[in-house]
Amino acid sequence: MVRIKRIYDAPAANDGTRVLVDQLWPRGVSKEKAALGLWLKEVAPSTELREWFGHQPERFEEFRTRYTDELAHNPAVKELQGLAQRNPTLTLLYGAKDPTMNQAVVLRQFLEENP
């Protein structure tokens, strides 16, 4: 099972393996508080795509398309797919404020469609 969760939310016992999927470390979060299993910034959207999107809701569908294309050609995705296969629960952590329009939403869908 692949879940998503905001890094600012407290870790929970049912999070399983926690993986930060942001390119940048979130402000105000210590490594201890994050309780990460892994920081896999290589699966984050490219800097260019992240800056273009700018968390503007009207750009989300185009962001989804472009990011999915990046993921299809990103060798780091294999590591994440392996983690998802080896762990009963994998929680993808993100720093964005919007819980429905962020890269973790797209990444989870990609992993579900490409196990």
N, C-alpha and C. Protein backbone atom coordinates (compact mmCIF):
# COMPACT_ATOMS: atom_id res chain seq x y z
N MET A 1 0.84 -1.17 0.00
CA MET A 1 0.00 0.00 0.00
C MET A 1 0.89 1.24 0.00
N VAL A 2 0.60 2.16 -0.90
CA VAL A 2 1.34 3.42 -0.97
C VAL A 2 0.41 4.52 -0.48
N ARG A 3 0.88 5.21 0.54
CA ARG A 3 0.12 6.32 1.11
C ARG A 3 0.89 7.61 0.87
N ILE A 4 0.20 8.73 1.03
CA ILE A 4 0.88 10.02 0.99
C ILE A 4 0.52 10.79 2.25
N LYS A 5 1.45 11.64 2.66
CA LYS A 5 1.26 12.37 3.91
C LYS A 5 2.15 13.61 3.88
N ARG A 6 1.66 14.65 4.47
CA ARG A 6 2.45 15.87 4.57
C ARG A 6 3.56 15.67 5.61
N ILE A 7 4.77 16.09 5.30
CA ILE A 7 5.91 15.90 6.20
C ILE A 7 5.70 16.64 7.52
N TYR A 8 4.86 17.66 7.52
CA TYR A 8 4.61 18.43 8.74
C TYR A 8 3.65 17.73 9.69
N ASP A 9 2.98 16.67 9.22
CA ASP A 9 2.12 15.87 10.09
C ASP A 9 2.98 14.91 10.89
N ALA A 10 2.57 14.63 12.10
CA ALA A 10 3.36 13.76 12.98
C ALA A 10 3.47 12.35 12.41
N PRO A 11 4.64 11.73 12.57
CA PRO A 11 4.79 10.33 12.16
C PRO A 11 3.81 9.45 12.95
N ALA A 12 3.36 8.38 12.32
CA ALA A 12 2.44 7.44 12.96
C ALA A 12 2.98 6.03 12.80
N ALA A 13 2.60 5.17 13.68
CA ALA A 13 3.08 3.78 13.65
C ALA A 13 2.67 3.08 12.35
N ASN A 14 1.53 3.47 11.78
CA ASN A 14 1.07 2.81 10.56
C ASN A 14 1.61 3.44 9.27
N ASP A 15 2.58 4.33 9.39
CA ASP A 15 3.19 4.94 8.20
C ASP A 15 4.07 3.95 7.43
N GLY A 16 4.54 2.93 8.09
CA GLY A 16 5.47 2.02 7.43
C GLY A 16 6.77 2.74 7.11
N THR A 17 7.32 2.48 5.95
CA THR A 17 8.56 3.14 5.52
C THR A 17 8.22 4.52 4.98
N ARG A 18 8.85 5.53 5.58
CA ARG A 18 8.57 6.93 5.22
C ARG A 18 9.65 7.44 4.27
N VAL A 19 9.21 7.94 3.11
CA VAL A 19 10.14 8.41 2.09
C VAL A 19 9.78 9.84 1.70
N LEU A 20 10.71 10.76 1.91
CA LEU A 20 10.52 12.14 1.47
C LEU A 20 10.79 12.20 -0.03
N VAL A 21 9.82 12.73 -0.79
CA VAL A 21 9.94 12.76 -2.25
C VAL A 21 10.01 14.19 -2.78
N ASP A 22 10.44 15.12 -1.95
CA ASP A 22 10.66 16.51 -2.36
C ASP A 22 12.13 16.70 -2.72
N GLN A 23 12.37 17.60 -3.65
CA GLN A 23 13.74 17.92 -4.04
C GLN A 23 14.44 18.75 -2.96
N LEU A 24 13.66 19.58 -2.29
CA LEU A 24 14.21 20.46 -1.27
C LEU A 24 13.78 19.99 0.12
N TRP A 25 14.68 20.13 1.09
CA TRP A 25 14.33 19.77 2.46
C TRP A 25 13.30 20.76 2.99
N PRO A 26 12.23 20.28 3.63
CA PRO A 26 11.18 21.18 4.12
C PRO A 26 11.65 22.04 5.29
N ARG A 27 11.26 23.30 5.27
CA ARG A 27 11.65 24.24 6.32
C ARG A 27 11.09 23.83 7.67
N GLY A 28 11.93 23.99 8.68
CA GLY A 28 11.48 23.79 10.05
C GLY A 28 11.30 22.35 10.48
N VAL A 29 11.72 21.40 9.65
CA VAL A 29 11.58 19.98 10.01
C VAL A 29 12.97 19.41 10.25
N SER A 30 13.20 18.94 11.46
CA SER A 30 14.49 18.31 11.76
C SER A 30 14.50 16.89 11.21
N LYS A 31 15.66 16.36 11.02
CA LYS A 31 15.78 14.98 10.54
C LYS A 31 15.16 14.00 11.54
N GLU A 32 15.29 14.31 12.83
CA GLU A 32 14.71 13.44 13.85
C GLU A 32 13.19 13.47 13.77
N LYS A 33 12.62 14.67 13.65
CA LYS A 33 11.16 14.82 13.58
C LYS A 33 10.60 14.17 12.32
N ALA A 34 11.36 14.20 11.24
CA ALA A 34 10.89 13.63 9.98
C ALA A 34 10.76 12.11 10.05
N ALA A 35 11.58 11.46 10.85
CA ALA A 35 11.55 10.00 11.01
C ALA A 35 11.54 9.29 9.65
N LEU A 36 12.49 9.66 8.81
CA LEU A 36 12.55 9.12 7.45
C LEU A 36 13.23 7.77 7.39
N GLY A 37 12.76 6.97 6.45
CA GLY A 37 13.50 5.79 6.06
C GLY A 37 14.47 6.17 4.95
N LEU A 38 14.06 7.17 4.14
CA LEU A 38 14.85 7.56 2.97
C LEU A 38 14.40 8.93 2.47
N TRP A 39 15.35 9.70 1.98
CA TRP A 39 15.04 10.93 1.25
C TRP A 39 15.44 10.67 -0.19
N LEU A 40 14.45 10.48 -1.04
CA LEU A 40 14.70 10.14 -2.44
C LEU A 40 14.36 11.34 -3.32
N LYS A 41 15.21 12.37 -3.22
CA LYS A 41 14.94 13.60 -3.96
C LYS A 41 15.07 13.42 -5.47
N GLU A 42 15.69 12.34 -5.89
CA GLU A 42 15.86 12.08 -7.33
C GLU A 42 14.53 11.80 -8.04
N VAL A 43 13.48 11.43 -7.29
CA VAL A 43 12.18 11.17 -7.93
C VAL A 43 11.30 12.41 -7.96
N ALA A 44 11.77 13.49 -7.37
CA ALA A 44 11.00 14.74 -7.37
C ALA A 44 10.94 15.32 -8.79
N PRO A 45 9.97 16.18 -9.04
CA PRO A 45 9.94 16.84 -10.35
C PRO A 45 11.21 17.65 -10.58
N SER A 46 11.58 17.80 -11.83
CA SER A 46 12.74 18.62 -12.15
C SER A 46 12.53 20.04 -11.64
N THR A 47 13.62 20.74 -11.42
CA THR A 47 13.55 22.13 -10.95
C THR A 47 12.70 22.97 -11.91
N GLU A 48 12.91 22.78 -13.20
CA GLU A 48 12.18 23.55 -14.20
C GLU A 48 10.67 23.30 -14.08
N LEU A 49 10.29 22.03 -13.95
CA LEU A 49 8.87 21.69 -13.86
C LEU A 49 8.27 22.20 -12.55
N ARG A 50 9.00 22.02 -11.47
CA ARG A 50 8.52 22.48 -10.16
C ARG A 50 8.28 23.99 -10.17
N GLU A 51 9.23 24.74 -10.72
CA GLU A 51 9.09 26.19 -10.77
C GLU A 51 7.97 26.63 -11.71
N TRP A 52 7.81 25.93 -12.84
CA TRP A 52 6.73 26.25 -13.77
C TRP A 52 5.37 26.03 -13.10
N PHE A 53 5.20 24.91 -12.42
CA PHE A 53 3.93 24.58 -11.78
C PHE A 53 3.59 25.61 -10.70
N GLY A 54 4.52 25.88 -9.82
CA GLY A 54 4.31 26.87 -8.77
C GLY A 54 3.06 26.66 -7.94
N HIS A 55 2.58 25.43 -7.88
CA HIS A 55 1.37 25.06 -7.12
C HIS A 55 0.14 25.87 -7.54
N GLN A 56 0.08 26.20 -8.82
CA GLN A 56 -1.07 26.90 -9.36
C GLN A 56 -2.10 25.85 -9.81
N PRO A 57 -3.26 25.81 -9.18
CA PRO A 57 -4.25 24.76 -9.47
C PRO A 57 -4.59 24.60 -10.94
N GLU A 58 -4.65 25.69 -11.68
CA GLU A 58 -5.00 25.61 -13.10
C GLU A 58 -3.92 24.92 -13.94
N ARG A 59 -2.74 24.76 -13.38
CA ARG A 59 -1.65 24.09 -14.10
C ARG A 59 -1.47 22.62 -13.68
N PHE A 60 -2.28 22.15 -12.73
CA PHE A 60 -2.04 20.82 -12.17
C PHE A 60 -2.15 19.70 -13.21
N GLU A 61 -3.15 19.72 -14.05
CA GLU A 61 -3.30 18.62 -15.02
C GLU A 61 -2.13 18.57 -15.99
N GLU A 62 -1.65 19.72 -16.43
CA GLU A 62 -0.46 19.74 -17.30
C GLU A 62 0.77 19.30 -16.51
N PHE A 63 0.85 19.72 -15.25
CA PHE A 63 1.94 19.26 -14.38
C PHE A 63 1.92 17.75 -14.27
N ARG A 64 0.74 17.17 -14.04
CA ARG A 64 0.60 15.71 -13.92
C ARG A 64 1.15 15.02 -15.18
N THR A 65 0.78 15.53 -16.34
CA THR A 65 1.23 14.94 -17.60
C THR A 65 2.75 15.02 -17.74
N ARG A 66 3.29 16.19 -17.48
CA ARG A 66 4.75 16.39 -17.63
C ARG A 66 5.53 15.58 -16.59
N TYR A 67 5.05 15.57 -15.36
CA TYR A 67 5.76 14.83 -14.30
C TYR A 67 5.69 13.33 -14.54
N THR A 68 4.55 12.85 -15.01
CA THR A 68 4.43 11.42 -15.33
C THR A 68 5.43 11.04 -16.41
N ASP A 69 5.62 11.92 -17.39
CA ASP A 69 6.61 11.67 -18.44
C ASP A 69 8.02 11.63 -17.85
N GLU A 70 8.31 12.56 -16.93
CA GLU A 70 9.63 12.53 -16.27
C GLU A 70 9.82 11.22 -15.51
N LEU A 71 8.80 10.79 -14.80
CA LEU A 71 8.90 9.56 -14.02
C LEU A 71 9.15 8.35 -14.90
N ALA A 72 8.52 8.31 -16.06
CA ALA A 72 8.69 7.18 -16.98
C ALA A 72 10.12 7.04 -17.46
N HIS A 73 10.89 8.12 -17.40
CA HIS A 73 12.28 8.10 -17.86
C HIS A 73 13.28 8.28 -16.73
N ASN A 74 12.84 8.15 -15.50
CA ASN A 74 13.69 8.41 -14.33
C ASN A 74 14.15 7.09 -13.71
N PRO A 75 15.45 6.79 -13.75
CA PRO A 75 15.94 5.52 -13.20
C PRO A 75 15.74 5.40 -11.68
N ALA A 76 15.60 6.50 -10.96
CA ALA A 76 15.41 6.44 -9.51
C ALA A 76 14.05 5.85 -9.14
N VAL A 77 13.12 5.85 -10.07
CA VAL A 77 11.79 5.29 -9.79
C VAL A 77 11.89 3.81 -9.47
N LYS A 78 12.86 3.12 -10.06
CA LYS A 78 13.03 1.69 -9.80
C LYS A 78 13.29 1.43 -8.31
N GLU A 79 14.07 2.28 -7.68
CA GLU A 79 14.33 2.13 -6.25
C GLU A 79 13.04 2.27 -5.45
N LEU A 80 12.22 3.21 -5.82
CA LEU A 80 10.95 3.43 -5.13
C LEU A 80 9.99 2.26 -5.39
N GLN A 81 9.97 1.76 -6.60
CA GLN A 81 9.12 0.60 -6.91
C GLN A 81 9.56 -0.60 -6.08
N GLY A 82 10.87 -0.79 -5.94
CA GLY A 82 11.37 -1.89 -5.11
C GLY A 82 10.96 -1.74 -3.65
N LEU A 83 11.05 -0.52 -3.13
CA LEU A 83 10.61 -0.27 -1.75
C LEU A 83 9.13 -0.58 -1.58
N ALA A 84 8.33 -0.19 -2.57
CA ALA A 84 6.88 -0.44 -2.50
C ALA A 84 6.60 -1.94 -2.52
N GLN A 85 7.38 -2.70 -3.25
CA GLN A 85 7.18 -4.14 -3.32
C GLN A 85 7.63 -4.85 -2.04
N ARG A 86 8.67 -4.33 -1.40
CA ARG A 86 9.24 -4.98 -0.22
C ARG A 86 8.57 -4.56 1.09
N ASN A 87 7.82 -3.48 1.08
CA ASN A 87 7.24 -2.95 2.31
C ASN A 87 5.72 -2.97 2.22
N PRO A 88 5.06 -3.51 3.23
CA PRO A 88 3.59 -3.55 3.20
C PRO A 88 2.98 -2.15 3.12
N THR A 89 3.62 -1.17 3.75
CA THR A 89 3.14 0.21 3.69
C THR A 89 4.32 1.13 3.40
N LEU A 90 4.14 1.96 2.39
CA LEU A 90 5.13 2.96 2.01
C LEU A 90 4.41 4.30 2.04
N THR A 91 4.95 5.25 2.80
CA THR A 91 4.34 6.57 2.88
C THR A 91 5.25 7.58 2.20
N LEU A 92 4.72 8.20 1.15
CA LEU A 92 5.44 9.25 0.43
C LEU A 92 5.16 10.57 1.12
N LEU A 93 6.21 11.24 1.53
CA LEU A 93 6.08 12.50 2.26
C LEU A 93 6.37 13.68 1.35
N TYR A 94 5.58 14.73 1.50
CA TYR A 94 5.72 15.93 0.69
C TYR A 94 5.53 17.15 1.59
N GLY A 95 6.00 18.30 1.13
CA GLY A 95 5.89 19.51 1.92
C GLY A 95 4.81 20.48 1.46
N ALA A 96 4.25 20.28 0.28
CA ALA A 96 3.25 21.20 -0.27
C ALA A 96 2.05 21.35 0.66
N LYS A 97 1.42 22.51 0.59
CA LYS A 97 0.25 22.77 1.43
C LYS A 97 -1.00 22.08 0.92
N ASP A 98 -1.14 21.94 -0.40
CA ASP A 98 -2.34 21.36 -0.98
C ASP A 98 -2.23 19.83 -0.99
N PRO A 99 -3.14 19.14 -0.27
CA PRO A 99 -3.05 17.68 -0.20
C PRO A 99 -3.54 16.95 -1.45
N THR A 100 -4.15 17.67 -2.39
CA THR A 100 -4.69 17.01 -3.57
C THR A 100 -3.95 17.35 -4.86
N MET A 101 -3.15 18.42 -4.84
CA MET A 101 -2.43 18.85 -6.04
C MET A 101 -0.96 19.03 -5.73
N ASN A 102 -0.25 17.91 -5.70
CA ASN A 102 1.19 17.95 -5.44
C ASN A 102 1.85 16.74 -6.10
N GLN A 103 3.15 16.71 -6.11
CA GLN A 103 3.86 15.64 -6.81
C GLN A 103 3.65 14.27 -6.18
N ALA A 104 3.40 14.19 -4.88
CA ALA A 104 3.20 12.89 -4.24
C ALA A 104 1.92 12.22 -4.74
N VAL A 105 0.91 13.02 -5.04
CA VAL A 105 -0.34 12.48 -5.59
C VAL A 105 -0.05 11.81 -6.94
N VAL A 106 0.70 12.50 -7.78
CA VAL A 106 1.05 11.98 -9.10
C VAL A 106 1.96 10.76 -8.96
N LEU A 107 2.92 10.84 -8.08
CA LEU A 107 3.87 9.75 -7.88
C LEU A 107 3.16 8.50 -7.38
N ARG A 108 2.25 8.63 -6.43
CA ARG A 108 1.51 7.47 -5.95
C ARG A 108 0.72 6.83 -7.08
N GLN A 109 0.05 7.62 -7.89
CA GLN A 109 -0.71 7.08 -9.00
C GLN A 109 0.23 6.36 -9.99
N PHE A 110 1.38 6.94 -10.23
CA PHE A 110 2.35 6.32 -11.13
C PHE A 110 2.78 4.96 -10.60
N LEU A 111 3.07 4.88 -9.29
CA LEU A 111 3.49 3.62 -8.69
C LEU A 111 2.38 2.58 -8.71
N GLU A 112 1.15 3.00 -8.52
CA GLU A 112 0.03 2.07 -8.57
C GLU A 112 -0.18 1.52 -9.98
N GLU A 113 0.07 2.34 -10.97
CA GLU A 113 -0.10 1.92 -12.37
C GLU A 113 1.13 1.21 -12.92
N ASN A 114 2.27 1.36 -12.26
CA ASN A 114 3.53 0.77 -12.71
C ASN A 114 4.25 0.10 -11.54
N PRO A 115 3.68 -1.01 -11.04
CA PRO A 115 4.30 -1.64 -9.85
C PRO A 115 5.60 -2.25 -10.21
